[in-house]
Amino acid sequence: MMNILGIDTSTKTMSIGLVSDDKILGEINFYSNMDHSEKLIDNIKFLLESNNLKVSDLDLVCVAIGPGSFTGVRIGISTCKGLVEFYNIPVVGVSSLEVLSRNFSSYKHVAIGVDAKRDRVYGGIYSYNKGKVNTIEEGLYDISDFKEKLKIYEDLLFAGDINSEFMDLDLRFGQEGNLLNRGSNVCFIGRERFLDGQGISHIDLQANYMTKSQAQIDYEKRNK
C-alpha cells in the first residue's frame, strides 16, 4: 500500500489530495484568493488525521511546480520540502497544466491554456490513449502561435482560463465547473512518475515558472 499526498497551490484555488494506491482517501478544494500559506498546513493535518495517518506514514509527496502563480507555487514547494525533510520521504514535482488536463482524460486530445499576460499563454497539448499520456510542446507561447498548434489536432478539447481568446476556433471547451487543479490528480500523476523512476529528494525539487516574475523584470530594468 502506497500513501501519497498531493498539493496544488499554483492557482487561486488550493487543492490537497490523499491517495492510497488507486483509492482516493480524501480531497480538500477551496478558493483561497492566494492566501494559501495561512491554510495549507492546517488542512494537510486535517486530511491526514481524518484518515488516521501521520506524515511519517506517507510514502510519497507530490506537488504542482508550475506554471502558475509565482507565490502560490513557492508556497506549495516550500511546504512539501518542510513536510518530507525529517522523514526523508521522496517527492515528485508535476506540471500544473497536466494536472488540469487529467480532468478531461476521456478525450483523445486535451489542450490547456492558462493566461500568462501580455497576449501569452502557458500551454500544453496532451494525448490520452488507454490511460497513457504524452505531453506535447508544453511551454510559454504567444496566443497566436498556440492557436496555430491547436489547428492540427482533431477531436480536441480546450480548457483553461482564457477560453474567450480561442472561441474563433472549432474546439470543444471544458466546462467551468471542471476547471479545478485537483490534488488527487497530482497524486496519480506523481505516482506514475515515481513508479517510472522519477522520484527525487526534496533538495532537488524546483519550480517551473516558464517565465520571469514581473518583480524580477522590473528589477532587471532598473539595474541595466
C-alpha atoms as a PDB file:
ATOM      1  CA  MET A   1       0.000   0.000   0.000  1.00  0.00           C
ATOM      2  CA  MET A   2       1.372   3.391  -1.037  1.00  0.00           C
ATOM      3  CA  ASN A   3       0.126   6.517   0.753  1.00  0.00           C
ATOM      4  CA  ILE A   4       0.525   9.650  -1.368  1.00  0.00           C
ATOM      5  CA  LEU A   5      -0.123  13.301  -0.568  1.00  0.00           C
ATOM      6  CA  GLY A   6      -0.691  15.727  -3.451  1.00  0.00           C
ATOM      7  CA  ILE A   7      -0.541  19.525  -3.227  1.00  0.00           C
ATOM      8  CA  ASP A   8      -1.512  22.158  -5.793  1.00  0.00           C
ATOM      9  CA  THR A   9      -1.320  25.832  -4.822  1.00  0.00           C
ATOM     10  CA  SER A  10      -0.474  27.135  -8.286  1.00  0.00           C
ATOM     11  CA  THR A  11      -3.860  28.833  -8.788  1.00  0.00           C
ATOM     12  CA  LYS A  12      -6.317  30.806  -6.673  1.00  0.00           C
ATOM     13  CA  THR A  13      -7.989  27.510  -5.815  1.00  0.00           C
ATOM     14  CA  MET A  14      -5.951  25.350  -3.453  1.00  0.00           C
ATOM     15  CA  SER A  15      -6.295  21.573  -3.572  1.00  0.00           C
ATOM     16  CA  ILE A  16      -4.863  18.838  -1.362  1.00  0.00           C
ATOM     17  CA  GLY A  17      -5.366  15.164  -2.173  1.00  0.00           C
ATOM     18  CA  LEU A  18      -4.625  11.989  -0.241  1.00  0.00           C
ATOM     19  CA  VAL A  19      -4.457   8.699  -2.115  1.00  0.00           C
ATOM     20  CA  SER A  20      -3.688   5.117  -1.138  1.00  0.00           C
ATOM     21  CA  ASP A  21      -2.628   3.233  -4.279  1.00  0.00           C
ATOM     22  CA  ASP A  22      -5.582   3.817  -6.660  1.00  0.00           C
ATOM     23  CA  LYS A  23      -8.074   4.864  -3.965  1.00  0.00           C
ATOM     24  CA  ILE A  24      -8.813   8.496  -3.116  1.00  0.00           C
ATOM     25  CA  LEU A  25      -8.931   8.762   0.686  1.00  0.00           C
ATOM     26  CA  GLY A  26      -9.835  12.426   0.668  1.00  0.00           C
ATOM     27  CA  GLU A  27      -9.517  15.726  -1.143  1.00  0.00           C
ATOM     28  CA  ILE A  28      -9.888  19.329   0.015  1.00  0.00           C
ATOM     29  CA  ASN A  29     -10.618  22.040  -2.540  1.00  0.00           C
ATOM     30  CA  PHE A  30     -11.399  25.669  -1.890  1.00  0.00           C
ATOM     31  CA  TYR A  31     -10.945  29.135  -3.314  1.00  0.00           C
ATOM     32  CA  SER A  32      -8.469  30.862  -1.037  1.00  0.00           C
ATOM     33  CA  ASN A  33      -7.631  34.000  -3.041  1.00  0.00           C
ATOM     34  CA  MET A  34      -3.908  33.172  -2.822  1.00  0.00           C
ATOM     35  CA  ASP A  35      -3.670  33.163   0.996  1.00  0.00           C
ATOM     36  CA  HIS A  36      -2.515  29.536   0.735  1.00  0.00           C
ATOM     37  CA  SER A  37       0.186  29.875   3.364  1.00  0.00           C
ATOM     38  CA  GLU A  38      -2.425  30.528   6.066  1.00  0.00           C
ATOM     39  CA  LYS A  39      -4.488  27.417   5.301  1.00  0.00           C
ATOM     40  CA  LEU A  40      -2.274  24.782   3.722  1.00  0.00           C
ATOM     41  CA  ILE A  41      -0.616  23.165   6.747  1.00  0.00           C
ATOM     42  CA  ASP A  42      -3.803  23.047   8.839  1.00  0.00           C
ATOM     43  CA  ASN A  43      -5.723  21.366   6.016  1.00  0.00           C
ATOM     44  CA  ILE A  44      -2.970  18.836   5.358  1.00  0.00           C
ATOM     45  CA  LYS A  45      -3.057  17.982   9.051  1.00  0.00           C
ATOM     46  CA  PHE A  46      -6.864  17.653   8.949  1.00  0.00           C
ATOM     47  CA  LEU A  47      -6.771  15.400   5.889  1.00  0.00           C
ATOM     48  CA  LEU A  48      -4.156  13.105   7.417  1.00  0.00           C
ATOM     49  CA  GLU A  49      -5.838  12.915  10.832  1.00  0.00           C
ATOM     50  CA  SER A  50      -9.212  12.196   9.208  1.00  0.00           C
ATOM     51  CA  ASN A  51      -7.623   9.044   7.793  1.00  0.00           C
ATOM     52  CA  ASN A  52      -5.686   8.132  10.963  1.00  0.00           C
ATOM     53  CA  LEU A  53      -2.388   8.892   9.262  1.00  0.00           C
ATOM     54  CA  LYS A  54       0.708  10.899  10.176  1.00  0.00           C
ATOM     55  CA  VAL A  55       3.315  12.489   7.939  1.00  0.00           C
ATOM     56  CA  SER A  56       5.607   9.561   8.735  1.00  0.00           C
ATOM     57  CA  ASP A  57       3.019   7.222   7.139  1.00  0.00           C
ATOM     58  CA  LEU A  58       3.410   8.883   3.748  1.00  0.00           C
ATOM     59  CA  ASP A  59       5.391   7.068   1.072  1.00  0.00           C
ATOM     60  CA  LEU A  60       5.421   9.912  -1.422  1.00  0.00           C
ATOM     61  CA  VAL A  61       4.587  13.628  -1.531  1.00  0.00           C
ATOM     62  CA  CYS A  62       3.771  15.214  -4.890  1.00  0.00           C
ATOM     63  CA  VAL A  63       3.423  18.908  -5.654  1.00  0.00           C
ATOM     64  CA  ALA A  64       2.486  21.067  -8.633  1.00  0.00           C
ATOM     65  CA  ILE A  65       5.613  23.014  -9.626  1.00  0.00           C
ATOM     66  CA  GLY A  66       4.048  25.406 -12.114  1.00  0.00           C
ATOM     67  CA  PRO A  67       3.460  27.210 -14.257  1.00  0.00           C
ATOM     68  CA  GLY A  68       1.065  29.401 -12.338  1.00  0.00           C
ATOM     69  CA  SER A  69       1.143  31.949  -9.562  1.00  0.00           C
ATOM     70  CA  PHE A  70       4.760  32.541  -8.548  1.00  0.00           C
ATOM     71  CA  THR A  71       3.800  32.970  -4.905  1.00  0.00           C
ATOM     72  CA  GLY A  72       1.445  30.003  -4.920  1.00  0.00           C
ATOM     73  CA  VAL A  73       3.991  27.667  -6.497  1.00  0.00           C
ATOM     74  CA  ARG A  74       6.641  28.711  -3.959  1.00  0.00           C
ATOM     75  CA  ILE A  75       4.258  28.035  -1.079  1.00  0.00           C
ATOM     76  CA  GLY A  76       3.458  24.548  -2.342  1.00  0.00           C
ATOM     77  CA  ILE A  77       7.091  23.621  -2.909  1.00  0.00           C
ATOM     78  CA  SER A  78       8.347  25.005   0.409  1.00  0.00           C
ATOM     79  CA  THR A  79       5.546  23.216   2.281  1.00  0.00           C
ATOM     80  CA  CYS A  80       6.366  19.961   0.504  1.00  0.00           C
ATOM     81  CA  LYS A  81      10.046  20.298   1.412  1.00  0.00           C
ATOM     82  CA  GLY A  82       9.229  21.046   5.031  1.00  0.00           C
ATOM     83  CA  LEU A  83       6.969  18.009   5.332  1.00  0.00           C
ATOM     84  CA  VAL A  84       9.365  15.438   3.920  1.00  0.00           C
ATOM     85  CA  GLU A  85      12.764  16.627   5.116  1.00  0.00           C
ATOM     86  CA  PHE A  86      12.761  14.985   8.555  1.00  0.00           C
ATOM     87  CA  TYR A  87      11.438  11.630   7.302  1.00  0.00           C
ATOM     88  CA  ASN A  88      13.376  11.678   4.015  1.00  0.00           C
ATOM     89  CA  ILE A  89      10.193  10.958   2.031  1.00  0.00           C
ATOM     90  CA  PRO A  90      10.694  11.023  -1.769  1.00  0.00           C
ATOM     91  CA  VAL A  91       8.950  13.712  -3.780  1.00  0.00           C
ATOM     92  CA  VAL A  92       7.764  14.229  -7.344  1.00  0.00           C
ATOM     93  CA  GLY A  93       7.085  17.577  -8.992  1.00  0.00           C
ATOM     94  CA  VAL A  94       4.327  17.626 -11.609  1.00  0.00           C
ATOM     95  CA  SER A  95       3.148  20.123 -14.199  1.00  0.00           C
ATOM     96  CA  SER A  96       0.202  22.284 -13.175  1.00  0.00           C
ATOM     97  CA  LEU A  97      -1.013  22.153 -16.766  1.00  0.00           C
ATOM     98  CA  GLU A  98      -1.038  18.366 -16.857  1.00  0.00           C
ATOM     99  CA  VAL A  99      -2.890  18.283 -13.523  1.00  0.00           C
ATOM    100  CA  LEU A 100      -5.773  20.213 -15.102  1.00  0.00           C
ATOM    101  CA  SER A 101      -5.687  18.119 -18.282  1.00  0.00           C
ATOM    102  CA  ARG A 102      -6.434  14.954 -16.274  1.00  0.00           C
ATOM    103  CA  ASN A 103      -9.955  16.243 -15.631  1.00  0.00           C
ATOM    104  CA  PHE A 104     -10.619  15.666 -19.337  1.00  0.00           C
ATOM    105  CA  SER A 105      -8.731  12.432 -19.966  1.00  0.00           C
ATOM    106  CA  SER A 106     -11.773  10.843 -21.628  1.00  0.00           C
ATOM    107  CA  TYR A 107     -10.988  12.976 -24.680  1.00  0.00           C
ATOM    108  CA  LYS A 108      -8.446  11.965 -27.304  1.00  0.00           C
ATOM    109  CA  HIS A 109      -6.569  15.282 -27.181  1.00  0.00           C
ATOM    110  CA  VAL A 110      -6.675  17.962 -24.489  1.00  0.00           C
ATOM    111  CA  ALA A 111      -5.200  21.449 -24.816  1.00  0.00           C
ATOM    112  CA  ILE A 112      -4.645  23.506 -21.693  1.00  0.00           C
ATOM    113  CA  GLY A 113      -4.203  27.272 -21.868  1.00  0.00           C
ATOM    114  CA  VAL A 114      -3.562  29.463 -18.833  1.00  0.00           C
ATOM    115  CA  ASP A 115      -3.261  33.238 -19.044  1.00  0.00           C
ATOM    116  CA  ALA A 116       0.378  34.353 -18.884  1.00  0.00           C
ATOM    117  CA  LYS A 117      -0.445  38.059 -19.515  1.00  0.00           C
ATOM    118  CA  ARG A 118       0.831  40.253 -22.366  1.00  0.00           C
ATOM    119  CA  ASP A 119      -1.013  38.153 -25.004  1.00  0.00           C
ATOM    120  CA  ARG A 120       0.787  34.975 -23.952  1.00  0.00           C
ATOM    121  CA  VAL A 121      -0.374  31.619 -22.692  1.00  0.00           C
ATOM    122  CA  TYR A 122       1.095  28.785 -20.669  1.00  0.00           C
ATOM    123  CA  GLY A 123       0.064  25.937 -22.910  1.00  0.00           C
ATOM    124  CA  GLY A 124       0.304  22.207 -23.348  1.00  0.00           C
ATOM    125  CA  ILE A 125      -1.348  19.560 -25.512  1.00  0.00           C
ATOM    126  CA  TYR A 126      -1.934  16.099 -24.040  1.00  0.00           C
ATOM    127  CA  SER A 127      -2.895  12.938 -25.907  1.00  0.00           C
ATOM    128  CA  TYR A 128      -4.680  10.278 -23.857  1.00  0.00           C
ATOM    129  CA  ASN A 129      -4.767   6.694 -25.090  1.00  0.00           C
ATOM    130  CA  LYS A 130      -5.675   3.762 -22.842  1.00  0.00           C
ATOM    131  CA  GLY A 131      -4.544   5.633 -19.727  1.00  0.00           C
ATOM    132  CA  LYS A 132      -1.254   6.817 -21.202  1.00  0.00           C
ATOM    133  CA  VAL A 133      -0.456  10.486 -21.743  1.00  0.00           C
ATOM    134  CA  ASN A 134       2.096  12.139 -23.967  1.00  0.00           C
ATOM    135  CA  THR A 135       2.860  15.756 -23.141  1.00  0.00           C
ATOM    136  CA  ILE A 136       3.316  17.706 -26.353  1.00  0.00           C
ATOM    137  CA  GLU A 137       5.098  21.061 -26.508  1.00  0.00           C
ATOM    138  CA  GLU A 138       4.349  22.327 -23.023  1.00  0.00           C
ATOM    139  CA  GLY A 139       5.638  25.879 -22.734  1.00  0.00           C
ATOM    140  CA  LEU A 140       5.085  29.624 -22.898  1.00  0.00           C
ATOM    141  CA  TYR A 141       3.550  30.823 -26.190  1.00  0.00           C
ATOM    142  CA  ASP A 142       2.165  33.875 -27.855  1.00  0.00           C
ATOM    143  CA  ILE A 143      -1.563  33.239 -28.098  1.00  0.00           C
ATOM    144  CA  SER A 144      -1.482  33.470 -31.888  1.00  0.00           C
ATOM    145  CA  ASP A 145       1.284  30.840 -32.094  1.00  0.00           C
ATOM    146  CA  PHE A 146      -0.529  28.474 -29.750  1.00  0.00           C
ATOM    147  CA  LYS A 147      -3.680  28.764 -31.841  1.00  0.00           C
ATOM    148  CA  GLU A 148      -1.767  27.550 -34.873  1.00  0.00           C
ATOM    149  CA  LYS A 149      -0.582  24.479 -32.979  1.00  0.00           C
ATOM    150  CA  LEU A 150      -4.156  23.602 -31.990  1.00  0.00           C
ATOM    151  CA  LYS A 151      -5.365  23.607 -35.586  1.00  0.00           C
ATOM    152  CA  ILE A 152      -3.531  20.388 -36.488  1.00  0.00           C
ATOM    153  CA  TYR A 153      -5.464  18.273 -33.956  1.00  0.00           C
ATOM    154  CA  GLU A 154      -8.842  16.637 -34.419  1.00  0.00           C
ATOM    155  CA  ASP A 155     -11.243  15.811 -31.567  1.00  0.00           C
ATOM    156  CA  LEU A 156      -9.571  18.434 -29.381  1.00  0.00           C
ATOM    157  CA  LEU A 157     -10.926  19.844 -26.121  1.00  0.00           C
ATOM    158  CA  PHE A 158      -9.604  23.165 -24.825  1.00  0.00           C
ATOM    159  CA  ALA A 159      -9.638  24.051 -21.128  1.00  0.00           C
ATOM    160  CA  GLY A 160      -8.231  26.964 -19.172  1.00  0.00           C
ATOM    161  CA  ASP A 161      -8.945  30.485 -18.009  1.00  0.00           C
ATOM    162  CA  ILE A 162      -8.796  32.268 -21.392  1.00  0.00           C
ATOM    163  CA  ASN A 163     -11.435  30.438 -23.427  1.00  0.00           C
ATOM    164  CA  SER A 164     -12.617  33.726 -24.961  1.00  0.00           C
ATOM    165  CA  GLU A 165      -9.330  34.047 -26.870  1.00  0.00           C
ATOM    166  CA  PHE A 166      -9.968  30.731 -28.646  1.00  0.00           C
ATOM    167  CA  MET A 167     -13.674  30.965 -29.490  1.00  0.00           C
ATOM    168  CA  ASP A 168     -12.884  31.572 -33.142  1.00  0.00           C
ATOM    169  CA  LEU A 169     -11.525  28.015 -33.446  1.00  0.00           C
ATOM    170  CA  ASP A 170     -13.609  24.882 -33.939  1.00  0.00           C
ATOM    171  CA  LEU A 171     -12.993  23.420 -30.472  1.00  0.00           C
ATOM    172  CA  ARG A 172     -14.836  21.835 -27.609  1.00  0.00           C
ATOM    173  CA  PHE A 173     -14.397  23.695 -24.322  1.00  0.00           C
ATOM    174  CA  GLY A 174     -14.113  22.347 -20.798  1.00  0.00           C
ATOM    175  CA  GLN A 175     -16.997  23.203 -18.530  1.00  0.00           C
ATOM    176  CA  GLU A 176     -16.462  25.890 -15.879  1.00  0.00           C
ATOM    177  CA  GLY A 177     -17.232  23.515 -13.009  1.00  0.00           C
ATOM    178  CA  ASN A 178     -14.417  21.177 -14.052  1.00  0.00           C
ATOM    179  CA  LEU A 179     -11.606  23.755 -14.318  1.00  0.00           C
ATOM    180  CA  LEU A 180     -10.017  22.832 -10.999  1.00  0.00           C
ATOM    181  CA  ASN A 181      -6.496  21.583 -10.424  1.00  0.00           C
ATOM    182  CA  ARG A 182      -7.283  18.597  -8.197  1.00  0.00           C
ATOM    183  CA  GLY A 183      -4.909  17.330  -5.551  1.00  0.00           C
ATOM    184  CA  SER A 184      -5.863  13.733  -6.326  1.00  0.00           C
ATOM    185  CA  ASN A 185      -4.681  14.253  -9.917  1.00  0.00           C
ATOM    186  CA  VAL A 186      -1.354  15.452  -8.513  1.00  0.00           C
ATOM    187  CA  CYS A 187      -1.145  12.182  -6.560  1.00  0.00           C
ATOM    188  CA  PHE A 188      -1.929   9.934  -9.516  1.00  0.00           C
ATOM    189  CA  ILE A 189       0.435  11.708 -11.908  1.00  0.00           C
ATOM    190  CA  GLY A 190       3.158  11.720  -9.252  1.00  0.00           C
ATOM    191  CA  ARG A 191       2.672   8.022  -8.570  1.00  0.00           C
ATOM    192  CA  GLU A 192       3.127   7.231 -12.273  1.00  0.00           C
ATOM    193  CA  ARG A 193       6.317   9.296 -12.352  1.00  0.00           C
ATOM    194  CA  PHE A 194       7.616   7.661  -9.170  1.00  0.00           C
ATOM    195  CA  LEU A 195       6.997   4.116 -10.429  1.00  0.00           C
ATOM    196  CA  ASP A 196       8.793   5.150 -13.598  1.00  0.00           C
ATOM    197  CA  GLY A 197      11.866   6.020 -11.521  1.00  0.00           C
ATOM    198  CA  GLN A 198      11.377   9.787 -11.403  1.00  0.00           C
ATOM    199  CA  GLY A 199      11.169  10.230  -7.627  1.00  0.00           C
ATOM    200  CA  ILE A 200      13.675  12.748  -6.250  1.00  0.00           C
ATOM    201  CA  SER A 201      14.918  14.172  -2.965  1.00  0.00           C
ATOM    202  CA  HIS A 202      13.311  17.361  -1.663  1.00  0.00           C
ATOM    203  CA  ILE A 203      16.700  19.029  -2.143  1.00  0.00           C
ATOM    204  CA  ASP A 204      16.344  18.699  -5.930  1.00  0.00           C
ATOM    205  CA  LEU A 205      12.733  19.905  -6.115  1.00  0.00           C
ATOM    206  CA  GLN A 206      12.456  23.105  -8.170  1.00  0.00           C
ATOM    207  CA  ALA A 207       9.727  25.310  -9.599  1.00  0.00           C
ATOM    208  CA  ASN A 208       8.977  25.567 -13.318  1.00  0.00           C
ATOM    209  CA  TYR A 209       7.718  29.115 -13.737  1.00  0.00           C
ATOM    210  CA  MET A 210       8.347  29.198 -17.519  1.00  0.00           C
ATOM    211  CA  THR A 211       8.834  32.969 -17.303  1.00  0.00           C
ATOM    212  CA  LYS A 212      10.223  35.684 -15.050  1.00  0.00           C
ATOM    213  CA  SER A 213       8.054  37.361 -12.453  1.00  0.00           C
ATOM    214  CA  GLN A 214       7.071  40.998 -13.016  1.00  0.00           C
ATOM    215  CA  ALA A 215       9.112  41.927  -9.952  1.00  0.00           C
ATOM    216  CA  GLN A 216      12.200  40.318 -11.482  1.00  0.00           C
ATOM    217  CA  ILE A 217      11.591  42.018 -14.840  1.00  0.00           C
ATOM    218  CA  ASP A 218      11.257  45.422 -13.123  1.00  0.00           C
ATOM    219  CA  TYR A 219      14.405  44.784 -11.073  1.00  0.00           C
ATOM    220  CA  GLU A 220      16.447  43.921 -14.163  1.00  0.00           C
ATOM    221  CA  LYS A 221      15.211  47.054 -15.947  1.00  0.00           C
ATOM    222  CA  ARG A 222      16.250  49.243 -13.008  1.00  0.00           C
ATOM    223  CA  ASN A 223      19.692  47.659 -12.847  1.00  0.00           C
ATOM    224  CA  LYS A 224      20.634  47.689 -16.527  1.00  0.00           C
END
